[in-house]
Amino acid sequence: VRIERAGPNAWTLVGVCMDITDQKHAEERLALERNQLRALIDHLPASIYFKDAEGRFVISNTERIAR
C-alpha cells in the first residue's frame, strides 16, 4: 500500500486487495479433519505413534500407551 499524489490537492491510496475466503474455508476444513483424526487416534485400543525422520515422536495416543 502506498499513497501517491493525484494532483495539487489530491492524494490516491494504491494497494492490492485479495479475497481469501476460499483459503480460510480450506483451513477450517483441515483443522476439523485434524481434530477428527486426533480423536480417532486417541480412542483406538492399540498403541499408535508416528515418528519423524530423526526418530522423534510427532503423534501418539499417549493415554493408551501409558495404560
PDB file of N, CA and C in Angstrom:
ATOM      1  N   VAL A   1       0.856  -1.170   0.000  1.00  0.00           N
ATOM      2  CA  VAL A   1       0.000   0.000   0.000  1.00  0.00           C
ATOM      3  C   VAL A   1       0.899   1.228   0.000  1.00  0.00           C
ATOM      4  N   ARG A   2       0.542   2.156  -0.846  1.00  0.00           N
ATOM      5  CA  ARG A   2       1.295   3.416  -0.884  1.00  0.00           C
ATOM      6  C   ARG A   2       0.342   4.562  -1.219  1.00  0.00           C
ATOM      7  N   ILE A   3       0.769   5.757  -0.899  1.00  0.00           N
ATOM      8  CA  ILE A   3      -0.009   6.964  -1.184  1.00  0.00           C
ATOM      9  C   ILE A   3       0.724   7.746  -2.261  1.00  0.00           C
ATOM     10  N   GLU A   4      -0.020   8.140  -3.299  1.00  0.00           N
ATOM     11  CA  GLU A   4       0.571   8.907  -4.401  1.00  0.00           C
ATOM     12  C   GLU A   4      -0.179  10.223  -4.566  1.00  0.00           C
ATOM     13  N   ARG A   5       0.549  11.207  -5.014  1.00  0.00           N
ATOM     14  CA  ARG A   5      -0.085  12.495  -5.295  1.00  0.00           C
ATOM     15  C   ARG A   5      -0.865  12.375  -6.597  1.00  0.00           C
ATOM     16  N   ALA A   6      -2.136  12.763  -6.559  1.00  0.00           N
ATOM     17  CA  ALA A   6      -3.008  12.705  -7.730  1.00  0.00           C
ATOM     18  C   ALA A   6      -3.252  14.097  -8.305  1.00  0.00           C
ATOM     19  N   GLY A   7      -2.775  15.103  -7.661  1.00  0.00           N
ATOM     20  CA  GLY A   7      -2.976  16.481  -8.108  1.00  0.00           C
ATOM     21  C   GLY A   7      -2.453  17.415  -7.029  1.00  0.00           C
ATOM     22  N   PRO A   8      -2.599  18.706  -7.228  1.00  0.00           N
ATOM     23  CA  PRO A   8      -2.068  19.650  -6.248  1.00  0.00           C
ATOM     24  C   PRO A   8      -2.719  19.520  -4.868  1.00  0.00           C
ATOM     25  N   ASN A   9      -3.973  19.126  -4.799  1.00  0.00           N
ATOM     26  CA  ASN A   9      -4.661  18.990  -3.519  1.00  0.00           C
ATOM     27  C   ASN A   9      -5.320  17.615  -3.361  1.00  0.00           C
ATOM     28  N   ALA A  10      -4.809  16.628  -4.087  1.00  0.00           N
ATOM     29  CA  ALA A  10      -5.437  15.302  -4.041  1.00  0.00           C
ATOM     30  C   ALA A  10      -4.374  14.215  -3.904  1.00  0.00           C
ATOM     31  N   TRP A  11      -4.747  13.199  -3.175  1.00  0.00           N
ATOM     32  CA  TRP A  11      -3.860  12.039  -2.964  1.00  0.00           C
ATOM     33  C   TRP A  11      -4.637  10.771  -3.300  1.00  0.00           C
ATOM     34  N   THR A  12      -3.930   9.753  -3.720  1.00  0.00           N
ATOM     35  CA  THR A  12      -4.546   8.475  -4.063  1.00  0.00           C
ATOM     36  C   THR A  12      -3.875   7.371  -3.250  1.00  0.00           C
ATOM     37  N   LEU A  13      -4.690   6.503  -2.696  1.00  0.00           N
ATOM     38  CA  LEU A  13      -4.195   5.338  -1.969  1.00  0.00           C
ATOM     39  C   LEU A  13      -4.148   4.168  -2.947  1.00  0.00           C
ATOM     40  N   VAL A  14      -2.981   3.575  -3.133  1.00  0.00           N
ATOM     41  CA  VAL A  14      -2.789   2.481  -4.084  1.00  0.00           C
ATOM     42  C   VAL A  14      -2.455   1.221  -3.301  1.00  0.00           C
ATOM     43  N   GLY A  15      -3.173   0.113  -3.588  1.00  0.00           N
ATOM     44  CA  GLY A  15      -2.907  -1.134  -2.883  1.00  0.00           C
ATOM     45  C   GLY A  15      -3.551  -2.309  -3.605  1.00  0.00           C
ATOM     46  N   VAL A  16      -3.402  -3.462  -3.003  1.00  0.00           N
ATOM     47  CA  VAL A  16      -3.951  -4.695  -3.568  1.00  0.00           C
ATOM     48  C   VAL A  16      -4.860  -5.325  -2.535  1.00  0.00           C
ATOM     49  N   CYS A  17      -5.988  -5.815  -3.007  1.00  0.00           N
ATOM     50  CA  CYS A  17      -6.940  -6.495  -2.144  1.00  0.00           C
ATOM     51  C   CYS A  17      -7.185  -7.879  -2.722  1.00  0.00           C
ATOM     52  N   MET A  18      -7.120  -8.895  -1.864  1.00  0.00           N
ATOM     53  CA  MET A  18      -7.342 -10.267  -2.325  1.00  0.00           C
ATOM     54  C   MET A  18      -8.444 -10.914  -1.492  1.00  0.00           C
ATOM     55  N   ASP A  19      -9.290 -11.683  -2.143  1.00  0.00           N
ATOM     56  CA  ASP A  19     -10.332 -12.436  -1.452  1.00  0.00           C
ATOM     57  C   ASP A  19      -9.728 -13.761  -1.004  1.00  0.00           C
ATOM     58  N   ILE A  20      -9.611 -13.961   0.306  1.00  0.00           N
ATOM     59  CA  ILE A  20      -9.021 -15.193   0.841  1.00  0.00           C
ATOM     60  C   ILE A  20     -10.086 -16.076   1.491  1.00  0.00           C
ATOM     61  N   THR A  21     -11.341 -15.879   1.096  1.00  0.00           N
ATOM     62  CA  THR A  21     -12.441 -16.652   1.669  1.00  0.00           C
ATOM     63  C   THR A  21     -12.241 -18.149   1.448  1.00  0.00           C
ATOM     64  N   ASP A  22     -11.913 -18.556   0.216  1.00  0.00           N
ATOM     65  CA  ASP A  22     -11.714 -19.975  -0.077  1.00  0.00           C
ATOM     66  C   ASP A  22     -10.567 -20.562   0.737  1.00  0.00           C
ATOM     67  N   GLN A  23      -9.490 -19.804   0.889  1.00  0.00           N
ATOM     68  CA  GLN A  23      -8.342 -20.272   1.681  1.00  0.00           C
ATOM     69  C   GLN A  23      -8.751 -20.466   3.139  1.00  0.00           C
ATOM     70  N   LYS A  24      -9.508 -19.537   3.688  1.00  0.00           N
ATOM     71  CA  LYS A  24      -9.948 -19.648   5.081  1.00  0.00           C
ATOM     72  C   LYS A  24     -10.872 -20.851   5.272  1.00  0.00           C
ATOM     73  N   HIS A  25     -11.758 -21.100   4.314  1.00  0.00           N
ATOM     74  CA  HIS A  25     -12.638 -22.271   4.404  1.00  0.00           C
ATOM     75  C   HIS A  25     -11.817 -23.561   4.360  1.00  0.00           C
ATOM     76  N   ALA A  26     -10.815 -23.608   3.499  1.00  0.00           N
ATOM     77  CA  ALA A  26      -9.956 -24.791   3.410  1.00  0.00           C
ATOM     78  C   ALA A  26      -9.190 -25.002   4.712  1.00  0.00           C
ATOM     79  N   GLU A  27      -8.713 -23.931   5.329  1.00  0.00           N
ATOM     80  CA  GLU A  27      -8.007 -24.036   6.610  1.00  0.00           C
ATOM     81  C   GLU A  27      -8.943 -24.565   7.702  1.00  0.00           C
ATOM     82  N   GLU A  28     -10.195 -24.106   7.693  1.00  0.00           N
ATOM     83  CA  GLU A  28     -11.171 -24.584   8.683  1.00  0.00           C
ATOM     84  C   GLU A  28     -11.466 -26.065   8.490  1.00  0.00           C
ATOM     85  N   ARG A  29     -11.621 -26.498   7.226  1.00  0.00           N
ATOM     86  CA  ARG A  29     -11.862 -27.924   6.948  1.00  0.00           C
ATOM     87  C   ARG A  29     -10.666 -28.771   7.382  1.00  0.00           C
ATOM     88  N   LEU A  30      -9.461 -28.286   7.115  1.00  0.00           N
ATOM     89  CA  LEU A  30      -8.260 -29.010   7.515  1.00  0.00           C
ATOM     90  C   LEU A  30      -8.180 -29.137   9.033  1.00  0.00           C
ATOM     91  N   ALA A  31      -8.490 -28.085   9.755  1.00  0.00           N
ATOM     92  CA  ALA A  31      -8.473 -28.126  11.217  1.00  0.00           C
ATOM     93  C   ALA A  31      -9.507 -29.120  11.740  1.00  0.00           C
ATOM     94  N   LEU A  32     -10.682 -29.149  11.138  1.00  0.00           N
ATOM     95  CA  LEU A  32     -11.722 -30.097  11.541  1.00  0.00           C
ATOM     96  C   LEU A  32     -11.249 -31.534  11.305  1.00  0.00           C
ATOM     97  N   GLU A  33     -10.679 -31.795  10.137  1.00  0.00           N
ATOM     98  CA  GLU A  33     -10.184 -33.141   9.836  1.00  0.00           C
ATOM     99  C   GLU A  33      -9.052 -33.536  10.779  1.00  0.00           C
ATOM    100  N   ARG A  34      -8.172 -32.599  11.100  1.00  0.00           N
ATOM    101  CA  ARG A  34      -7.071 -32.870  12.028  1.00  0.00           C
ATOM    102  C   ARG A  34      -7.614 -33.226  13.415  1.00  0.00           C
ATOM    103  N   ASN A  35      -8.630 -32.503  13.866  1.00  0.00           N
ATOM    104  CA  ASN A  35      -9.236 -32.787  15.172  1.00  0.00           C
ATOM    105  C   ASN A  35      -9.928 -34.147  15.176  1.00  0.00           C
ATOM    106  N   GLN A  36     -10.584 -34.483  14.073  1.00  0.00           N
ATOM    107  CA  GLN A  36     -11.235 -35.792  13.975  1.00  0.00           C
ATOM    108  C   GLN A  36     -10.201 -36.919  14.000  1.00  0.00           C
ATOM    109  N   LEU A  37      -9.099 -36.747  13.271  1.00  0.00           N
ATOM    110  CA  LEU A  37      -8.034 -37.746  13.275  1.00  0.00           C
ATOM    111  C   LEU A  37      -7.435 -37.897  14.667  1.00  0.00           C
ATOM    112  N   ARG A  38      -7.218 -36.780  15.353  1.00  0.00           N
ATOM    113  CA  ARG A  38      -6.667 -36.812  16.716  1.00  0.00           C
ATOM    114  C   ARG A  38      -7.600 -37.586  17.650  1.00  0.00           C
ATOM    115  N   ALA A  39      -8.904 -37.333  17.545  1.00  0.00           N
ATOM    116  CA  ALA A  39      -9.877 -38.039  18.384  1.00  0.00           C
ATOM    117  C   ALA A  39      -9.866 -39.533  18.077  1.00  0.00           C
ATOM    118  N   LEU A  40      -9.789 -39.885  16.802  1.00  0.00           N
ATOM    119  CA  LEU A  40      -9.745 -41.293  16.414  1.00  0.00           C
ATOM    120  C   LEU A  40      -8.502 -41.978  16.984  1.00  0.00           C
ATOM    121  N   ILE A  41      -7.350 -41.360  16.819  1.00  0.00           N
ATOM    122  CA  ILE A  41      -6.100 -41.938  17.316  1.00  0.00           C
ATOM    123  C   ILE A  41      -6.151 -42.099  18.832  1.00  0.00           C
ATOM    124  N   ASP A  42      -6.663 -41.106  19.522  1.00  0.00           N
ATOM    125  CA  ASP A  42      -6.694 -41.154  20.988  1.00  0.00           C
ATOM    126  C   ASP A  42      -7.636 -42.224  21.530  1.00  0.00           C
ATOM    127  N   HIS A  43      -8.596 -42.668  20.728  1.00  0.00           N
ATOM    128  CA  HIS A  43      -9.571 -43.639  21.217  1.00  0.00           C
ATOM    129  C   HIS A  43      -9.376 -45.047  20.666  1.00  0.00           C
ATOM    130  N   LEU A  44      -8.299 -45.269  19.952  1.00  0.00           N
ATOM    131  CA  LEU A  44      -8.009 -46.622  19.473  1.00  0.00           C
ATOM    132  C   LEU A  44      -7.513 -47.478  20.630  1.00  0.00           C
ATOM    133  N   PRO A  45      -7.857 -48.770  20.637  1.00  0.00           N
ATOM    134  CA  PRO A  45      -7.438 -49.636  21.745  1.00  0.00           C
ATOM    135  C   PRO A  45      -5.960 -50.034  21.669  1.00  0.00           C
ATOM    136  N   ALA A  46      -5.306 -49.808  20.549  1.00  0.00           N
ATOM    137  CA  ALA A  46      -3.894 -50.171  20.401  1.00  0.00           C
ATOM    138  C   ALA A  46      -3.026 -48.924  20.513  1.00  0.00           C
ATOM    139  N   SER A  47      -1.743 -49.124  20.801  1.00  0.00           N
ATOM    140  CA  SER A  47      -0.795 -48.009  20.838  1.00  0.00           C
ATOM    141  C   SER A  47      -0.484 -47.587  19.406  1.00  0.00           C
ATOM    142  N   ILE A  48      -0.631 -46.322  19.143  1.00  0.00           N
ATOM    143  CA  ILE A  48      -0.375 -45.763  17.819  1.00  0.00           C
ATOM    144  C   ILE A  48       0.591 -44.597  17.995  1.00  0.00           C
ATOM    145  N   TYR A  49       1.614 -44.553  17.141  1.00  0.00           N
ATOM    146  CA  TYR A  49       2.523 -43.411  17.174  1.00  0.00           C
ATOM    147  C   TYR A  49       3.169 -43.224  15.810  1.00  0.00           C
ATOM    148  N   PHE A  50       3.589 -42.011  15.549  1.00  0.00           N
ATOM    149  CA  PHE A  50       4.311 -41.663  14.342  1.00  0.00           C
ATOM    150  C   PHE A  50       5.579 -40.957  14.767  1.00  0.00           C
ATOM    151  N   LYS A  51       6.681 -41.280  14.073  1.00  0.00           N
ATOM    152  CA  LYS A  51       7.951 -40.609  14.339  1.00  0.00           C
ATOM    153  C   LYS A  51       8.407 -39.881  13.081  1.00  0.00           C
ATOM    154  N   ASP A  52       9.174 -38.808  13.287  1.00  0.00           N
ATOM    155  CA  ASP A  52       9.724 -38.091  12.140  1.00  0.00           C
ATOM    156  C   ASP A  52      11.026 -38.765  11.701  1.00  0.00           C
ATOM    157  N   ALA A  53      11.684 -38.188  10.723  1.00  0.00           N
ATOM    158  CA  ALA A  53      12.906 -38.773  10.163  1.00  0.00           C
ATOM    159  C   ALA A  53      14.032 -38.869  11.194  1.00  0.00           C
ATOM    160  N   GLU A  54      13.987 -38.044  12.241  1.00  0.00           N
ATOM    161  CA  GLU A  54      15.015 -38.077  13.288  1.00  0.00           C
ATOM    162  C   GLU A  54      14.634 -39.011  14.437  1.00  0.00           C
ATOM    163  N   GLY A  55      13.511 -39.703  14.317  1.00  0.00           N
ATOM    164  CA  GLY A  55      13.094 -40.645  15.350  1.00  0.00           C
ATOM    165  C   GLY A  55      12.339 -40.019  16.508  1.00  0.00           C
ATOM    166  N   ARG A  56      11.913 -38.765  16.362  1.00  0.00           N
ATOM    167  CA  ARG A  56      11.149 -38.093  17.412  1.00  0.00           C
ATOM    168  C   ARG A  56       9.665 -38.379  17.240  1.00  0.00           C
ATOM    169  N   PHE A  57       8.974 -38.597  18.359  1.00  0.00           N
ATOM    170  CA  PHE A  57       7.535 -38.807  18.312  1.00  0.00           C
ATOM    171  C   PHE A  57       6.850 -37.519  17.875  1.00  0.00           C
ATOM    172  N   VAL A  58       6.004 -37.615  16.868  1.00  0.00           N
ATOM    173  CA  VAL A  58       5.250 -36.439  16.424  1.00  0.00           C
ATOM    174  C   VAL A  58       3.767 -36.597  16.732  1.00  0.00           C
ATOM    175  N   ILE A  59       3.267 -37.829  16.758  1.00  0.00           N
ATOM    176  CA  ILE A  59       1.886 -38.104  17.124  1.00  0.00           C
ATOM    177  C   ILE A  59       1.863 -39.423  17.884  1.00  0.00           C
ATOM    178  N   SER A  60       1.130 -39.454  18.972  1.00  0.00           N
ATOM    179  CA  SER A  60       0.926 -40.716  19.684  1.00  0.00           C
ATOM    180  C   SER A  60      -0.354 -40.617  20.495  1.00  0.00           C
ATOM    181  N   ASN A  61      -0.943 -41.774  20.756  1.00  0.00           N
ATOM    182  CA  ASN A  61      -2.095 -41.785  21.651  1.00  0.00           C
ATOM    183  C   ASN A  61      -1.549 -42.135  23.033  1.00  0.00           C
ATOM    184  N   THR A  62      -0.949 -41.161  23.649  1.00  0.00           N
ATOM    185  CA  THR A  62      -0.204 -41.352  24.910  1.00  0.00           C
ATOM    186  C   THR A  62      -1.067 -41.911  26.015  1.00  0.00           C
ATOM    187  N   GLU A  63      -2.354 -41.623  26.026  1.00  0.00           N
ATOM    188  CA  GLU A  63      -3.203 -42.174  27.075  1.00  0.00           C
ATOM    189  C   GLU A  63      -3.245 -43.690  26.974  1.00  0.00           C
ATOM    190  N   ARG A  64      -3.293 -44.214  25.786  1.00  0.00           N
ATOM    191  CA  ARG A  64      -3.317 -45.668  25.590  1.00  0.00           C
ATOM    192  C   ARG A  64      -1.941 -46.267  25.869  1.00  0.00           C
ATOM    193  N   ILE A  65      -0.876 -45.581  25.498  1.00  0.00           N
ATOM    194  CA  ILE A  65       0.466 -46.101  25.723  1.00  0.00           C
ATOM    195  C   ILE A  65       0.749 -46.201  27.213  1.00  0.00           C
ATOM    196  N   ALA A  66       0.266 -45.252  27.976  1.00  0.00           N
ATOM    197  CA  ALA A  66       0.528 -45.222  29.418  1.00  0.00           C
ATOM    198  C   ALA A  66      -0.213 -46.328  30.162  1.00  0.00           C
ATOM    199  N   ARG A  67      -1.268 -46.853  29.584  1.00  0.00           N
ATOM    200  CA  ARG A  67      -2.078 -47.865  30.295  1.00  0.00           C
ATOM    201  C   ARG A  67      -1.447 -49.216  30.292  1.00  0.00           C
TER     202      ARG A  67
END
